[in-house]
PDB file of all heavy atoms in Angstrom:
ATOM      1  N   ARG A   1      28.047  33.649  -5.725  1.00  0.00           N
ATOM      2  CA  ARG A   1      27.400  34.788  -5.060  1.00  0.00           C
ATOM      3  C   ARG A   1      27.933  36.054  -5.722  1.00  0.00           C
ATOM      4  O   ARG A   1      29.115  36.431  -5.615  1.00  0.00           O
ATOM      5  CB  ARG A   1      27.749  34.800  -3.595  1.00  0.00           C
ATOM      6  CG  ARG A   1      27.003  35.921  -2.859  1.00  0.00           C
ATOM      7  CD  ARG A   1      27.096  35.829  -1.348  1.00  0.00           C
ATOM      8  NE  ARG A   1      28.468  35.646  -0.920  1.00  0.00           N
ATOM      9  CZ  ARG A   1      28.782  35.066   0.240  1.00  0.00           C
ATOM     10  NH1 ARG A   1      27.885  34.592   1.060  1.00  0.00           N
ATOM     11  NH2 ARG A   1      30.060  34.919   0.561  1.00  0.00           N
ATOM     12  N   LEU A   2      27.035  36.727  -6.442  1.00  0.00           N
ATOM     13  CA  LEU A   2      27.393  37.940  -7.202  1.00  0.00           C
ATOM     14  C   LEU A   2      27.378  39.148  -6.281  1.00  0.00           C
ATOM     15  O   LEU A   2      26.514  39.329  -5.463  1.00  0.00           O
ATOM     16  CB  LEU A   2      26.362  38.166  -8.313  1.00  0.00           C
ATOM     17  CG  LEU A   2      26.176  37.022  -9.292  1.00  0.00           C
ATOM     18  CD1 LEU A   2      24.972  37.279 -10.196  1.00  0.00           C
ATOM     19  CD2 LEU A   2      27.399  36.705 -10.066  1.00  0.00           C
ATOM     20  N   HIS A   3      28.414  39.983  -6.440  1.00  0.00           N
ATOM     21  CA  HIS A   3      28.470  41.262  -5.750  1.00  0.00           C
ATOM     22  C   HIS A   3      27.722  42.261  -6.608  1.00  0.00           C
ATOM     23  O   HIS A   3      27.954  42.288  -7.815  1.00  0.00           O
ATOM     24  CB  HIS A   3      29.894  41.687  -5.481  1.00  0.00           C
ATOM     25  CG  HIS A   3      30.617  40.699  -4.615  1.00  0.00           C
ATOM     26  ND1 HIS A   3      30.681  40.851  -3.248  1.00  0.00           N
ATOM     27  CD2 HIS A   3      31.290  39.559  -4.920  1.00  0.00           C
ATOM     28  CE1 HIS A   3      31.360  39.829  -2.764  1.00  0.00           C
ATOM     29  NE2 HIS A   3      31.752  39.025  -3.747  1.00  0.00           N
ATOM     30  N   ASN A   4      26.843  43.030  -6.041  1.00  0.00           N
ATOM     31  CA  ASN A   4      25.971  43.866  -6.828  1.00  0.00           C
ATOM     32  C   ASN A   4      25.697  45.185  -6.177  1.00  0.00           C
ATOM     33  O   ASN A   4      25.930  45.341  -5.000  1.00  0.00           O
ATOM     34  CB  ASN A   4      24.704  43.112  -7.138  1.00  0.00           C
ATOM     35  CG  ASN A   4      24.029  42.603  -5.872  1.00  0.00           C
ATOM     36  OD1 ASN A   4      24.642  41.863  -5.103  1.00  0.00           O
ATOM     37  ND2 ASN A   4      22.818  43.016  -5.620  1.00  0.00           N
ATOM     38  N   ALA A   5      25.078  46.066  -6.922  1.00  0.00           N
ATOM     39  CA  ALA A   5      24.620  47.341  -6.404  1.00  0.00           C
ATOM     40  C   ALA A   5      23.140  47.211  -6.081  1.00  0.00           C
ATOM     41  O   ALA A   5      22.380  46.597  -6.843  1.00  0.00           O
ATOM     42  CB  ALA A   5      24.845  48.444  -7.428  1.00  0.00           C
ATOM     43  N   ALA A   6      22.726  47.769  -4.962  1.00  0.00           N
ATOM     44  CA  ALA A   6      21.335  47.624  -4.500  1.00  0.00           C
ATOM     45  C   ALA A   6      20.304  48.082  -5.509  1.00  0.00           C
ATOM     46  O   ALA A   6      19.227  47.489  -5.588  1.00  0.00           O
ATOM     47  CB  ALA A   6      21.166  48.375  -3.156  1.00  0.00           C
ATOM     48  N   GLN A   7      20.634  49.070  -6.312  1.00  0.00           N
ATOM     49  CA  GLN A   7      19.629  49.665  -7.219  1.00  0.00           C
ATOM     50  C   GLN A   7      19.275  48.684  -8.358  1.00  0.00           C
ATOM     51  O   GLN A   7      18.303  48.871  -9.058  1.00  0.00           O
ATOM     52  CB  GLN A   7      20.052  51.010  -7.761  1.00  0.00           C
ATOM     53  CG  GLN A   7      21.321  50.995  -8.629  1.00  0.00           C
ATOM     54  CD  GLN A   7      22.575  51.213  -7.833  1.00  0.00           C
ATOM     55  OE1 GLN A   7      22.652  50.917  -6.654  1.00  0.00           O
ATOM     56  NE2 GLN A   7      23.618  51.683  -8.492  1.00  0.00           N
ATOM     57  N   ILE A   8      20.095  47.656  -8.549  1.00  0.00           N
ATOM     58  CA  ILE A   8      19.807  46.682  -9.671  1.00  0.00           C
ATOM     59  C   ILE A   8      19.525  45.303  -9.142  1.00  0.00           C
ATOM     60  O   ILE A   8      19.521  44.340  -9.937  1.00  0.00           O
ATOM     61  CB  ILE A   8      20.938  46.707 -10.701  1.00  0.00           C
ATOM     62  CG1 ILE A   8      22.290  46.314 -10.070  1.00  0.00           C
ATOM     63  CG2 ILE A   8      21.011  47.993 -11.487  1.00  0.00           C
ATOM     64  CD1 ILE A   8      23.394  46.051 -11.052  1.00  0.00           C
ATOM     65  N   ASP A   9      19.272  45.149  -7.876  1.00  0.00           N
ATOM     66  CA  ASP A   9      19.002  43.821  -7.309  1.00  0.00           C
ATOM     67  C   ASP A   9      17.897  43.092  -8.027  1.00  0.00           C
ATOM     68  O   ASP A   9      18.028  41.913  -8.333  1.00  0.00           O
ATOM     69  CB  ASP A   9      18.624  43.950  -5.823  1.00  0.00           C
ATOM     70  CG  ASP A   9      19.820  43.917  -4.908  1.00  0.00           C
ATOM     71  OD1 ASP A   9      20.959  43.898  -5.410  1.00  0.00           O
ATOM     72  OD2 ASP A   9      19.617  43.954  -3.679  1.00  0.00           O
ATOM     73  N   GLN A  10      16.788  43.760  -8.288  1.00  0.00           N
ATOM     74  CA  GLN A  10      15.605  43.094  -8.901  1.00  0.00           C
ATOM     75  C   GLN A  10      16.023  42.555 -10.295  1.00  0.00           C
ATOM     76  O   GLN A  10      15.630  41.434 -10.651  1.00  0.00           O
ATOM     77  CB  GLN A  10      14.458  44.063  -9.025  1.00  0.00           C
ATOM     78  CG  GLN A  10      13.211  43.455  -9.622  1.00  0.00           C
ATOM     79  CD  GLN A  10      12.056  44.436  -9.723  1.00  0.00           C
ATOM     80  OE1 GLN A  10      12.065  45.481  -9.060  1.00  0.00           O
ATOM     81  NE2 GLN A  10      11.072  44.101 -10.490  1.00  0.00           N
ATOM     82  N   VAL A  11      16.755  43.324 -11.049  1.00  0.00           N
ATOM     83  CA  VAL A  11      17.171  42.925 -12.369  1.00  0.00           C
ATOM     84  C   VAL A  11      18.121  41.684 -12.307  1.00  0.00           C
ATOM     85  O   VAL A  11      17.920  40.704 -12.993  1.00  0.00           O
ATOM     86  CB  VAL A  11      17.864  44.110 -13.116  1.00  0.00           C
ATOM     87  CG1 VAL A  11      18.411  43.622 -14.441  1.00  0.00           C
ATOM     88  CG2 VAL A  11      16.874  45.258 -13.283  1.00  0.00           C
ATOM     89  N   LEU A  12      19.084  41.765 -11.434  1.00  0.00           N
ATOM     90  CA  LEU A  12      20.048  40.668 -11.328  1.00  0.00           C
ATOM     91  C   LEU A  12      19.375  39.407 -10.722  1.00  0.00           C
ATOM     92  O   LEU A  12      19.742  38.283 -11.058  1.00  0.00           O
ATOM     93  CB  LEU A  12      21.230  41.048 -10.512  1.00  0.00           C
ATOM     94  CG  LEU A  12      22.164  42.071 -11.144  1.00  0.00           C
ATOM     95  CD1 LEU A  12      23.330  42.388 -10.264  1.00  0.00           C
ATOM     96  CD2 LEU A  12      22.645  41.603 -12.495  1.00  0.00           C
ATOM     97  N   ARG A  13      18.420  39.614  -9.807  1.00  0.00           N
ATOM     98  CA  ARG A  13      17.675  38.468  -9.249  1.00  0.00           C
ATOM     99  C   ARG A  13      16.959  37.713 -10.368  1.00  0.00           C
ATOM    100  O   ARG A  13      16.917  36.480 -10.394  1.00  0.00           O
ATOM    101  CB  ARG A  13      16.720  38.959  -8.205  1.00  0.00           C
ATOM    102  CG  ARG A  13      16.234  37.794  -7.289  1.00  0.00           C
ATOM    103  CD  ARG A  13      15.484  38.308  -6.063  1.00  0.00           C
ATOM    104  NE  ARG A  13      16.452  38.824  -5.080  1.00  0.00           N
ATOM    105  CZ  ARG A  13      16.544  40.143  -4.767  1.00  0.00           C
ATOM    106  NH1 ARG A  13      15.760  41.029  -5.298  1.00  0.00           N
ATOM    107  NH2 ARG A  13      17.474  40.506  -3.852  1.00  0.00           N
ATOM    108  N   LYS A  14      16.406  38.412 -11.348  1.00  0.00           N
ATOM    109  CA  LYS A  14      15.765  37.785 -12.492  1.00  0.00           C
ATOM    110  C   LYS A  14      16.747  36.961 -13.303  1.00  0.00           C
ATOM    111  O   LYS A  14      16.472  35.820 -13.651  1.00  0.00           O
ATOM    112  CB  LYS A  14      15.095  38.899 -13.384  1.00  0.00           C
ATOM    113  CG  LYS A  14      14.676  38.453 -14.734  1.00  0.00           C
ATOM    114  CD  LYS A  14      13.479  37.583 -14.726  1.00  0.00           C
ATOM    115  CE  LYS A  14      13.028  37.324 -16.163  1.00  0.00           C
ATOM    116  NZ  LYS A  14      12.027  36.315 -16.241  1.00  0.00           N
ATOM    117  N   LEU A  15      17.920  37.481 -13.480  1.00  0.00           N
ATOM    118  CA  LEU A  15      18.985  36.752 -14.209  1.00  0.00           C
ATOM    119  C   LEU A  15      19.384  35.492 -13.428  1.00  0.00           C
ATOM    120  O   LEU A  15      19.492  34.436 -13.990  1.00  0.00           O
ATOM    121  CB  LEU A  15      20.220  37.650 -14.439  1.00  0.00           C
ATOM    122  CG  LEU A  15      21.349  37.018 -15.182  1.00  0.00           C
ATOM    123  CD1 LEU A  15      20.914  36.527 -16.576  1.00  0.00           C
ATOM    124  CD2 LEU A  15      22.498  37.962 -15.279  1.00  0.00           C
ATOM    125  N   CYS A  16      19.544  35.623 -12.146  1.00  0.00           N
ATOM    126  CA  CYS A  16      19.888  34.493 -11.302  1.00  0.00           C
ATOM    127  C   CYS A  16      18.824  33.404 -11.382  1.00  0.00           C
ATOM    128  O   CYS A  16      19.131  32.210 -11.543  1.00  0.00           O
ATOM    129  CB  CYS A  16      20.080  34.904  -9.830  1.00  0.00           C
ATOM    130  SG  CYS A  16      21.566  35.862  -9.519  1.00  0.00           S
ATOM    131  N   ASP A  17      17.554  33.823 -11.319  1.00  0.00           N
ATOM    132  CA  ASP A  17      16.463  32.863 -11.416  1.00  0.00           C
ATOM    133  C   ASP A  17      16.524  32.110 -12.766  1.00  0.00           C
ATOM    134  O   ASP A  17      16.291  30.863 -12.790  1.00  0.00           O
ATOM    135  CB  ASP A  17      15.101  33.563 -11.279  1.00  0.00           C
ATOM    136  CG  ASP A  17      14.864  34.083  -9.878  1.00  0.00           C
ATOM    137  OD1 ASP A  17      15.586  33.614  -8.931  1.00  0.00           O
ATOM    138  OD2 ASP A  17      13.948  34.922  -9.673  1.00  0.00           O
ATOM    139  N   GLU A  18      16.734  32.848 -13.829  1.00  0.00           N
ATOM    140  CA  GLU A  18      16.805  32.196 -15.175  1.00  0.00           C
ATOM    141  C   GLU A  18      17.980  31.232 -15.243  1.00  0.00           C
ATOM    142  O   GLU A  18      17.844  30.127 -15.768  1.00  0.00           O
ATOM    143  CB  GLU A  18      16.922  33.260 -16.265  1.00  0.00           C
ATOM    144  CG  GLU A  18      15.682  34.092 -16.440  1.00  0.00           C
ATOM    145  CD  GLU A  18      14.544  33.354 -17.113  1.00  0.00           C
ATOM    146  OE1 GLU A  18      14.782  32.390 -17.837  1.00  0.00           O
ATOM    147  OE2 GLU A  18      13.378  33.706 -16.834  1.00  0.00           O
ATOM    148  N   LEU A  19      19.129  31.617 -14.756  1.00  0.00           N
ATOM    149  CA  LEU A  19      20.312  30.760 -14.777  1.00  0.00           C
ATOM    150  C   LEU A  19      20.123  29.537 -13.891  1.00  0.00           C
ATOM    151  O   LEU A  19      20.500  28.424 -14.246  1.00  0.00           O
ATOM    152  CB  LEU A  19      21.565  31.534 -14.386  1.00  0.00           C
ATOM    153  CG  LEU A  19      22.023  32.614 -15.329  1.00  0.00           C
ATOM    154  CD1 LEU A  19      23.181  33.433 -14.717  1.00  0.00           C
ATOM    155  CD2 LEU A  19      22.452  32.028 -16.674  1.00  0.00           C
ATOM    156  N   ASN A  20      19.514  29.737 -12.714  1.00  0.00           N
ATOM    157  CA  ASN A  20      19.282  28.611 -11.812  1.00  0.00           C
ATOM    158  C   ASN A  20      18.316  27.581 -12.450  1.00  0.00           C
ATOM    159  O   ASN A  20      18.408  26.392 -12.179  1.00  0.00           O
ATOM    160  CB  ASN A  20      18.768  29.106 -10.452  1.00  0.00           C
ATOM    161  CG  ASN A  20      19.838  29.833  -9.662  1.00  0.00           C
ATOM    162  OD1 ASN A  20      21.020  29.611  -9.872  1.00  0.00           O
ATOM    163  ND2 ASN A  20      19.389  30.675  -8.776  1.00  0.00           N
ATOM    164  N   ALA A  21      17.359  28.076 -13.195  1.00  0.00           N
ATOM    165  CA  ALA A  21      16.358  27.208 -13.821  1.00  0.00           C
ATOM    166  C   ALA A  21      17.003  26.227 -14.812  1.00  0.00           C
ATOM    167  O   ALA A  21      16.460  25.164 -15.066  1.00  0.00           O
ATOM    168  CB  ALA A  21      15.271  28.010 -14.530  1.00  0.00           C
ATOM    169  N   THR A  22      18.205  26.542 -15.321  1.00  0.00           N
ATOM    170  CA  THR A  22      18.890  25.639 -16.226  1.00  0.00           C
ATOM    171  C   THR A  22      19.452  24.411 -15.552  1.00  0.00           C
ATOM    172  O   THR A  22      19.803  23.452 -16.268  1.00  0.00           O
ATOM    173  CB  THR A  22      19.982  26.375 -17.027  1.00  0.00           C
ATOM    174  OG1 THR A  22      21.053  26.706 -16.098  1.00  0.00           O
ATOM    175  CG2 THR A  22      19.485  27.616 -17.726  1.00  0.00           C
ATOM    176  N   GLU A  23      19.636  24.503 -14.227  1.00  0.00           N
ATOM    177  CA  GLU A  23      20.223  23.405 -13.497  1.00  0.00           C
ATOM    178  C   GLU A  23      21.548  22.890 -14.098  1.00  0.00           C
ATOM    179  O   GLU A  23      21.795  21.693 -14.214  1.00  0.00           O
ATOM    180  CB  GLU A  23      19.210  22.285 -13.310  1.00  0.00           C
ATOM    181  CG  GLU A  23      17.998  22.687 -12.538  1.00  0.00           C
ATOM    182  CD  GLU A  23      17.038  21.541 -12.195  1.00  0.00           C
ATOM    183  OE1 GLU A  23      17.347  20.400 -12.539  1.00  0.00           O
ATOM    184  OE2 GLU A  23      16.002  21.852 -11.582  1.00  0.00           O
ATOM    185  N   THR A  24      22.397  23.830 -14.459  1.00  0.00           N
ATOM    186  CA  THR A  24      23.677  23.523 -15.094  1.00  0.00           C
ATOM    187  C   THR A  24      24.667  22.920 -14.109  1.00  0.00           C
ATOM    188  O   THR A  24      24.791  23.423 -12.978  1.00  0.00           O
ATOM    189  CB  THR A  24      24.260  24.836 -15.691  1.00  0.00           C
ATOM    190  OG1 THR A  24      23.310  25.341 -16.651  1.00  0.00           O
ATOM    191  CG2 THR A  24      25.595  24.558 -16.386  1.00  0.00           C
ATOM    192  N   LEU A  25      25.341  21.875 -14.521  1.00  0.00           N
ATOM    193  CA  LEU A  25      26.411  21.291 -13.718  1.00  0.00           C
ATOM    194  C   LEU A  25      27.749  21.944 -14.085  1.00  0.00           C
ATOM    195  O   LEU A  25      28.030  22.197 -15.276  1.00  0.00           O
ATOM    196  CB  LEU A  25      26.511  19.794 -13.950  1.00  0.00           C
ATOM    197  CG  LEU A  25      25.308  18.932 -13.521  1.00  0.00           C
ATOM    198  CD1 LEU A  25      25.609  17.457 -13.833  1.00  0.00           C
ATOM    199  CD2 LEU A  25      25.018  19.132 -12.046  1.00  0.00           C
ATOM    200  N   PHE A  26      28.548  22.241 -13.053  1.00  0.00           N
ATOM    201  CA  PHE A  26      29.874  22.742 -13.297  1.00  0.00           C
ATOM    202  C   PHE A  26      30.657  21.672 -14.050  1.00  0.00           C
ATOM    203  O   PHE A  26      30.625  20.506 -13.625  1.00  0.00           O
ATOM    204  CB  PHE A  26      30.560  23.159 -11.969  1.00  0.00           C
ATOM    205  CG  PHE A  26      31.813  23.911 -12.170  1.00  0.00           C
ATOM    206  CD1 PHE A  26      31.786  25.248 -12.550  1.00  0.00           C
ATOM    207  CD2 PHE A  26      33.036  23.249 -11.957  1.00  0.00           C
ATOM    208  CE1 PHE A  26      33.006  25.899 -12.730  1.00  0.00           C
ATOM    209  CE2 PHE A  26      34.224  23.956 -12.160  1.00  0.00           C
ATOM    210  CZ  PHE A  26      34.208  25.300 -12.531  1.00  0.00           C
ATOM    211  N   PRO A  27      31.372  22.018 -15.078  1.00  0.00           N
ATOM    212  CA  PRO A  27      32.090  21.045 -15.893  1.00  0.00           C
ATOM    213  C   PRO A  27      32.967  20.098 -15.063  1.00  0.00           C
ATOM    214  O   PRO A  27      33.651  20.523 -14.139  1.00  0.00           O
ATOM    215  CB  PRO A  27      32.952  21.862 -16.841  1.00  0.00           C
ATOM    216  CG  PRO A  27      32.172  23.152 -16.969  1.00  0.00           C
ATOM    217  CD  PRO A  27      31.558  23.362 -15.614  1.00  0.00           C
ATOM    218  N   ARG A  28      32.905  18.834 -15.405  1.00  0.00           N
ATOM    219  CA  ARG A  28      33.689  17.727 -14.777  1.00  0.00           C
ATOM    220  C   ARG A  28      33.431  17.521 -13.323  1.00  0.00           C
ATOM    221  O   ARG A  28      34.278  17.020 -12.577  1.00  0.00           O
ATOM    222  CB  ARG A  28      35.190  17.956 -15.070  1.00  0.00           C
ATOM    223  CG  ARG A  28      35.546  17.963 -16.488  1.00  0.00           C
ATOM    224  CD  ARG A  28      37.005  18.056 -16.693  1.00  0.00           C
ATOM    225  NE  ARG A  28      37.291  18.027 -18.140  1.00  0.00           N
ATOM    226  CZ  ARG A  28      38.509  18.080 -18.614  1.00  0.00           C
ATOM    227  NH1 ARG A  28      39.539  18.113 -17.809  1.00  0.00           N
ATOM    228  NH2 ARG A  28      38.701  18.011 -19.910  1.00  0.00           N
ATOM    229  N   THR A  29      32.243  17.962 -12.845  1.00  0.00           N
ATOM    230  CA  THR A  29      31.839  17.735 -11.462  1.00  0.00           C
ATOM    231  C   THR A  29      30.383  17.341 -11.451  1.00  0.00           C
ATOM    232  O   THR A  29      29.706  17.366 -12.481  1.00  0.00           O
ATOM    233  CB  THR A  29      32.016  18.993 -10.573  1.00  0.00           C
ATOM    234  OG1 THR A  29      30.950  19.906 -10.903  1.00  0.00           O
ATOM    235  CG2 THR A  29      33.354  19.613 -10.740  1.00  0.00           C
ATOM    236  N   SER A  30      29.893  16.985 -10.280  1.00  0.00           N
ATOM    237  CA  SER A  30      28.457  16.769 -10.125  1.00  0.00           C
ATOM    238  C   SER A  30      27.832  17.925  -9.362  1.00  0.00           C
ATOM    239  O   SER A  30      26.719  17.806  -8.857  1.00  0.00           O
ATOM    240  CB  SER A  30      28.243  15.464  -9.353  1.00  0.00           C
ATOM    241  OG  SER A  30      28.861  15.542  -8.086  1.00  0.00           O
ATOM    242  N   LEU A  31      28.540  19.048  -9.311  1.00  0.00           N
ATOM    243  CA  LEU A  31      28.036  20.232  -8.616  1.00  0.00           C
ATOM    244  C   LEU A  31      27.127  21.092  -9.519  1.00  0.00           C
ATOM    245  O   LEU A  31      27.555  21.494 -10.620  1.00  0.00           O
ATOM    246  CB  LEU A  31      29.181  21.116  -8.090  1.00  0.00           C
ATOM    247  CG  LEU A  31      30.175  20.443  -7.146  1.00  0.00           C
ATOM    248  CD1 LEU A  31      31.315  21.388  -6.766  1.00  0.00           C
ATOM    249  CD2 LEU A  31      29.443  19.955  -5.868  1.00  0.00           C
ATOM    250  N   ARG A  32      25.930  21.323  -9.037  1.00  0.00           N
ATOM    251  CA  ARG A  32      24.973  22.170  -9.777  1.00  0.00           C
ATOM    252  C   ARG A  32      25.258  23.615  -9.450  1.00  0.00           C
ATOM    253  O   ARG A  32      25.396  24.022  -8.318  1.00  0.00           O
ATOM    254  CB  ARG A  32      23.545  21.800  -9.396  1.00  0.00           C
ATOM    255  CG  ARG A  32      22.506  22.594 -10.267  1.00  0.00           C
ATOM    256  CD  ARG A  32      21.069  22.137  -9.920  1.00  0.00           C
ATOM    257  NE  ARG A  32      20.755  22.339  -8.512  1.00  0.00           N
ATOM    258  CZ  ARG A  32      20.291  23.513  -8.023  1.00  0.00           C
ATOM    259  NH1 ARG A  32      20.093  24.542  -8.790  1.00  0.00           N
ATOM    260  NH2 ARG A  32      19.973  23.585  -6.755  1.00  0.00           N
ATOM    261  N   LEU A  33      25.379  24.443 -10.533  1.00  0.00           N
ATOM    262  CA  LEU A  33      25.610  25.848 -10.341  1.00  0.00           C
ATOM    263  C   LEU A  33      24.316  26.493  -9.789  1.00  0.00           C
ATOM    264  O   LEU A  33      23.229  26.262 -10.241  1.00  0.00           O
ATOM    265  CB  LEU A  33      26.012  26.497 -11.638  1.00  0.00           C
ATOM    266  CG  LEU A  33      27.427  26.233 -12.104  1.00  0.00           C
ATOM    267  CD1 LEU A  33      27.621  26.670 -13.515  1.00  0.00           C
ATOM    268  CD2 LEU A  33      28.442  26.903 -11.181  1.00  0.00           C
ATOM    269  N   PHE A  34      24.537  27.376  -8.775  1.00  0.00           N
ATOM    270  CA  PHE A  34      23.431  28.078  -8.162  1.00  0.00           C
ATOM    271  C   PHE A  34      23.888  29.525  -7.954  1.00  0.00           C
ATOM    272  O   PHE A  34      24.926  29.774  -7.372  1.00  0.00           O
ATOM    273  CB  PHE A  34      23.066  27.441  -6.784  1.00  0.00           C
ATOM    274  CG  PHE A  34      21.864  28.021  -6.179  1.00  0.00           C
ATOM    275  CD1 PHE A  34      20.593  27.735  -6.683  1.00  0.00           C
ATOM    276  CD2 PHE A  34      21.955  28.898  -5.095  1.00  0.00           C
ATOM    277  CE1 PHE A  34      19.463  28.275  -6.086  1.00  0.00           C
ATOM    278  CE2 PHE A  34      20.850  29.441  -4.519  1.00  0.00           C
ATOM    279  CZ  PHE A  34      19.583  29.129  -5.032  1.00  0.00           C
TER     280      PHE A  34
END
């Protein structure tokens, strides 16, 4: 959960969406990063 400034929410939300689409697993676990 990223702490952010309200004026850049839309920009950071785009980044979160792109990173979530990768469905990356945290190393040495079965936990998917979200």
